[in-house]
N, C-alpha and C. Protein backbone atom coordinates (compact mmCIF):
# COMPACT_ATOMS: atom_id res chain seq x y z
N LEU A 1 72.46 70.96 102.90
CA LEU A 1 72.60 72.24 102.57
C LEU A 1 74.25 72.04 103.14
N ILE A 2 74.25 71.55 104.66
CA ILE A 2 75.48 71.36 105.19
C ILE A 2 76.39 70.67 104.70
N ARG A 3 75.46 69.59 104.33
CA ARG A 3 77.11 68.58 103.46
C ARG A 3 77.79 69.07 102.29
N GLU A 4 77.01 69.93 101.76
CA GLU A 4 77.54 70.72 100.69
C GLU A 4 78.90 71.85 100.94
N ILE A 5 77.82 72.27 101.74
CA ILE A 5 78.84 73.44 102.40
C ILE A 5 80.17 72.24 103.05
N ASP A 6 80.10 71.44 103.68
CA ASP A 6 80.91 70.83 104.20
C ASP A 6 82.01 70.23 102.72
N LEU A 7 81.42 69.66 101.57
CA LEU A 7 82.32 69.02 100.21
C LEU A 7 83.10 70.20 99.62
N GLU A 8 82.42 71.59 100.10
CA GLU A 8 82.77 73.20 99.51
C GLU A 8 84.12 73.42 100.16
N VAL A 9 84.24 73.69 101.66
CA VAL A 9 84.99 73.79 102.66
C VAL A 9 86.50 72.60 102.11
N GLU A 10 86.06 70.94 102.14
CA GLU A 10 86.99 70.44 101.76
C GLU A 10 87.66 70.56 100.25
N ASP A 11 86.99 71.28 99.35
CA ASP A 11 87.79 71.41 98.14
C ASP A 11 88.62 72.44 98.28
N VAL A 12 87.90 73.62 99.29
CA VAL A 12 88.73 75.11 99.35
C VAL A 12 90.33 74.16 100.19
N GLU A 13 89.97 73.59 101.07
CA GLU A 13 90.96 72.99 102.02
C GLU A 13 92.36 72.74 100.95
N ARG A 14 91.80 71.23 100.02
CA ARG A 14 92.47 70.76 99.12
C ARG A 14 93.47 71.84 98.29
N ALA A 15 92.64 72.51 97.38
CA ALA A 15 93.05 73.84 97.06
C ALA A 15 94.39 74.62 97.69
N ILE A 16 93.72 74.84 99.05
CA ILE A 16 95.09 75.57 99.74
C ILE A 16 96.21 74.54 99.87
N ALA A 17 95.98 73.43 100.66
CA ALA A 17 97.00 72.70 100.43
C ALA A 17 97.98 72.19 99.11
N ALA A 18 97.09 72.35 97.59
CA ALA A 18 98.15 72.36 96.44
C ALA A 18 98.68 73.65 96.24
N LEU A 19 98.27 74.50 96.53
CA LEU A 19 99.23 75.93 96.60
C LEU A 19 99.78 76.56 97.85
N THR A 20 99.90 75.57 98.66
CA THR A 20 100.77 75.58 99.58
C THR A 20 101.97 74.81 99.41
N THR A 21 101.77 73.50 99.15
CA THR A 21 102.87 72.50 98.18
C THR A 21 103.51 73.11 96.69
N ARG A 22 102.41 74.11 96.37
CA ARG A 22 103.31 74.68 95.10
C ARG A 22 104.50 75.80 95.33
N MET A 23 103.97 76.45 96.41
CA MET A 23 104.78 77.64 96.45
C MET A 23 105.58 77.36 97.52
N GLU A 24 105.77 76.35 98.22
CA GLU A 24 106.63 75.98 99.13
C GLU A 24 107.89 75.59 97.89
N GLY A 25 107.87 75.16 97.06
CA GLY A 25 108.65 74.06 96.01
C GLY A 25 109.01 75.26 95.16
N LEU A 26 108.53 76.60 94.99
CA LEU A 26 108.85 77.83 94.22
C LEU A 26 109.65 78.50 94.86
N LEU A 27 109.46 78.66 96.63
CA LEU A 27 110.52 79.38 97.14
C LEU A 27 111.54 78.53 97.33
N GLU A 28 111.81 77.16 97.29
CA GLU A 28 113.08 76.48 97.36
C GLU A 28 113.76 76.57 95.97
N ARG A 29 112.69 76.55 94.88
CA ARG A 29 113.92 76.73 93.41
C ARG A 29 113.99 78.98 93.71
N LYS A 30 113.39 79.74 94.18
CA LYS A 30 113.90 80.83 94.40
C LYS A 30 115.27 80.69 95.27
N GLU A 31 115.01 80.22 96.22
CA GLU A 31 116.75 79.97 97.26
C GLU A 31 117.65 79.12 96.40
N ILE A 32 117.20 78.21 95.65
CA ILE A 32 118.25 77.81 94.94
C ILE A 32 119.26 78.90 94.34
N HIS A 33 118.32 79.64 93.41
CA HIS A 33 118.72 80.22 92.20
C HIS A 33 119.29 81.71 92.98
N GLN A 34 119.20 82.14 94.06
CA GLN A 34 119.63 82.87 94.93
C GLN A 34 121.04 82.83 95.57
N ARG A 35 120.69 81.51 95.76
CA ARG A 35 122.55 81.08 96.61
C ARG A 35 123.55 80.90 95.23
N SER A 36 122.78 80.77 94.16
CA SER A 36 123.53 80.21 93.01
C SER A 36 124.26 81.71 92.24
N VAL A 37 123.58 82.93 92.42
CA VAL A 37 123.71 84.42 92.14
C VAL A 37 124.74 84.72 93.41
N ARG A 38 124.86 84.21 94.31
CA ARG A 38 125.53 84.65 95.63
C ARG A 38 127.08 84.22 95.23
N ASP A 39 126.89 82.90 94.97
CA ASP A 39 127.69 82.17 94.52
C ASP A 39 128.69 82.84 93.02
N HIS A 40 128.15 83.17 92.23
CA HIS A 40 128.52 83.66 90.92
C HIS A 40 128.95 85.26 91.29
N GLU A 41 128.50 86.66 92.31
CA GLU A 41 128.83 87.35 92.59
C GLU A 41 130.09 87.12 93.45
N ALA A 42 130.31 86.04 94.11
CA ALA A 42 131.74 86.10 94.58
C ALA A 42 132.78 85.89 93.79
N LEU A 43 132.45 85.23 92.60
CA LEU A 43 133.37 84.76 91.74
C LEU A 43 134.02 85.72 90.83
N LEU A 44 132.59 86.61 90.52
CA LEU A 44 132.92 87.94 89.60
C LEU A 44 133.86 89.42 90.73
N TRP A 45 133.27 89.30 91.79
CA TRP A 45 133.54 90.59 92.81
C TRP A 45 135.50 90.59 92.01
N GLY A 46 136.34 89.83 91.96
CA GLY A 46 137.84 90.65 91.65
C GLY A 46 137.81 91.17 90.42
N ILE A 47 137.17 90.79 89.19
CA ILE A 47 137.04 91.35 88.01
C ILE A 47 136.23 92.55 87.85
N LEU A 48 135.33 92.64 88.80
CA LEU A 48 134.14 93.93 88.44
C LEU A 48 134.97 94.87 89.46
N HIS A 49 136.34 94.96 89.83
CA HIS A 49 136.93 95.78 91.05
C HIS A 49 138.36 96.21 90.01
N LEU A 50 138.34 95.92 89.43
CA LEU A 50 139.63 96.06 88.76
C LEU A 50 139.81 97.65 88.52
N PRO A 51 141.35 97.99 88.47
CA PRO A 51 141.56 99.81 88.12
C PRO A 51 141.29 99.61 86.58
N ALA A 52 140.84 101.04 86.42
CA ALA A 52 140.44 101.41 84.87
C ALA A 52 141.71 101.38 84.25
N ASP A 53 142.89 101.47 84.42
CA ASP A 53 144.11 101.32 83.73
C ASP A 53 144.07 99.62 83.04
N ILE A 54 144.07 98.67 84.21
CA ILE A 54 143.72 97.23 84.17
C ILE A 54 142.58 96.82 83.05
N LEU A 55 141.87 97.15 83.32
CA LEU A 55 140.66 97.04 82.79
C LEU A 55 140.88 97.46 81.01
N SER A 56 141.28 98.47 81.03
CA SER A 56 141.83 99.43 79.42
C SER A 56 142.63 98.26 78.85
N GLU A 57 143.71 98.24 79.37
CA GLU A 57 144.35 97.00 78.87
C GLU A 57 143.87 95.81 78.12
N ILE A 58 142.92 95.23 79.29
CA ILE A 58 142.71 93.95 78.61
C ILE A 58 141.37 94.42 77.93
N PHE A 59 140.67 95.61 78.01
CA PHE A 59 139.49 95.77 76.56
C PHE A 59 140.56 95.77 75.15
N MET A 60 141.81 96.88 75.40
CA MET A 60 142.43 96.40 74.22
C MET A 60 142.72 95.44 73.26
N ASP A 61 142.47 94.37 74.25
CA ASP A 61 143.28 93.38 73.59
C ASP A 61 141.89 92.67 72.83
N LEU A 62 140.64 92.87 72.84
CA LEU A 62 139.21 92.56 72.82
C LEU A 62 138.98 93.48 71.39
N VAL A 63 139.29 94.34 71.63
CA VAL A 63 139.32 95.17 69.95
C VAL A 63 139.99 94.63 69.14
N PRO A 64 139.10 94.18 67.65
CA PRO A 64 139.57 94.30 66.84
C PRO A 64 140.40 95.31 65.73
N VAL A 65 141.67 94.50 65.19
CA VAL A 65 142.81 95.47 64.59
C VAL A 65 141.95 96.54 63.37
N SER A 66 142.48 97.80 63.40
CA SER A 66 141.78 98.71 63.15
C SER A 66 141.52 97.95 61.64
N GLY A 67 140.04 98.52 60.80
CA GLY A 67 139.57 98.25 59.72
C GLY A 67 139.10 96.79 59.54
N GLU A 68 139.33 96.13 60.86
CA GLU A 68 138.47 94.92 60.67
C GLU A 68 137.03 94.72 60.88
N TRP A 69 136.82 95.51 61.65
CA TRP A 69 135.37 95.75 61.64
C TRP A 69 134.71 96.43 61.16
N SER A 70 133.64 95.69 60.32
CA SER A 70 132.59 96.71 59.80
C SER A 70 131.17 96.90 59.94
N LEU A 71 130.40 97.84 60.48
CA LEU A 71 129.10 97.47 61.20
C LEU A 71 128.14 96.66 59.52
N GLY A 72 128.56 97.57 58.49
CA GLY A 72 128.10 97.08 57.40
C GLY A 72 128.04 95.31 57.11
N VAL A 73 129.32 94.75 57.51
CA VAL A 73 129.16 93.43 57.61
C VAL A 73 128.80 92.59 58.17
N GLN A 74 129.12 93.15 59.77
CA GLN A 74 128.93 92.14 60.66
C GLN A 74 127.73 92.56 61.26
N LYS A 75 126.95 91.62 62.05
CA LYS A 75 125.52 91.66 62.52
C LYS A 75 125.65 91.89 63.85
N ARG A 76 126.64 92.24 64.28
CA ARG A 76 126.38 92.06 66.20
C ARG A 76 127.26 93.44 66.37
N PRO A 77 127.26 93.71 67.85
CA PRO A 77 127.80 94.68 68.22
C PRO A 77 129.12 95.05 68.12
N HIS A 78 129.68 95.96 68.06
CA HIS A 78 131.08 96.69 67.89
C HIS A 78 131.42 95.72 69.77
N PRO A 79 132.60 94.93 69.89
CA PRO A 79 132.89 94.17 71.18
C PRO A 79 132.86 95.64 72.40
N ILE A 80 133.38 96.66 71.99
CA ILE A 80 133.21 97.81 72.78
C ILE A 80 132.16 97.75 73.66
N VAL A 81 130.83 98.01 72.86
CA VAL A 81 129.47 98.44 73.04
C VAL A 81 128.83 97.07 73.93
N ARG A 82 129.62 95.82 73.52
CA ARG A 82 129.31 94.86 74.47
C ARG A 82 129.75 95.17 75.40
N ILE A 83 130.96 95.31 75.88
CA ILE A 83 131.72 95.10 76.97
C ILE A 83 131.06 96.56 77.94
N SER A 84 130.67 97.80 76.89
CA SER A 84 130.37 98.57 77.73
C SER A 84 128.83 98.58 79.04
N HIS A 85 128.14 97.13 78.47
CA HIS A 85 126.75 97.08 78.72
C HIS A 85 127.09 96.32 79.98
N VAL A 86 128.17 95.91 80.51
CA VAL A 86 128.36 95.08 81.99
C VAL A 86 128.07 95.72 83.10
N CYS A 87 129.01 97.23 83.01
CA CYS A 87 128.40 97.71 84.05
C CYS A 87 128.85 99.19 84.06
N ARG A 88 128.22 99.80 85.41
CA ARG A 88 128.79 101.30 84.85
C ARG A 88 130.41 101.75 84.49
N GLN A 89 131.13 100.92 85.96
CA GLN A 89 132.73 101.21 85.33
C GLN A 89 133.31 100.93 84.34
N TRP A 90 132.59 99.35 83.69
CA TRP A 90 133.18 99.03 82.73
C TRP A 90 132.79 100.03 81.17
N ARG A 91 131.46 100.59 81.18
CA ARG A 91 131.16 101.32 80.35
C ARG A 91 132.04 102.76 80.09
N HIS A 92 132.43 103.69 81.54
CA HIS A 92 133.31 104.42 81.71
C HIS A 92 134.33 104.37 81.12
N VAL A 93 135.07 102.71 81.39
CA VAL A 93 136.49 102.60 80.73
C VAL A 93 136.60 102.20 79.40
N ALA A 94 135.09 101.87 78.82
CA ALA A 94 135.81 101.33 77.29
C ALA A 94 135.25 102.67 76.54
N LEU A 95 134.44 103.41 77.34
CA LEU A 95 134.14 104.67 76.47
C LEU A 95 135.28 105.81 76.65
N SER A 96 135.49 106.03 77.47
CA SER A 96 136.45 106.80 77.79
C SER A 96 137.75 106.70 76.73
N ASN A 97 138.07 105.23 76.66
CA ASN A 97 139.69 105.67 75.70
C ASN A 97 139.85 105.28 74.52
N PRO A 98 140.08 106.40 73.73
CA PRO A 98 139.65 106.60 72.40
C PRO A 98 140.43 105.26 71.20
N LEU A 99 141.48 104.90 72.21
CA LEU A 99 142.23 104.24 71.42
C LEU A 99 141.52 102.51 71.41
N LEU A 100 140.42 102.39 72.00
CA LEU A 100 139.34 100.98 71.96
C LEU A 100 138.47 101.61 70.48
N TRP A 101 138.55 102.79 70.38
CA TRP A 101 137.27 102.67 69.23
C TRP A 101 138.07 103.15 67.68
């Protein structure tokens, strides 16, 4: 009976070791992804903090010429709808400028 318990304890210890190794790998992958997110946030900081008037001008260049966009023909959303999903500021700028629609 003691031998059986010892074998079961060894099995549990092996399982713990395997899970510990797996957890370490996951934590390492998580750190890599977090570092990547931080790096990209730093790159995007400038464009995400542009004044509304400059953003509006940039958005104007993305809007199709009047009449070129038809929801019946196109299978994707209007460019301004896509822009409005980036962040709260972009949504406000995109939807508050009637020239973009």
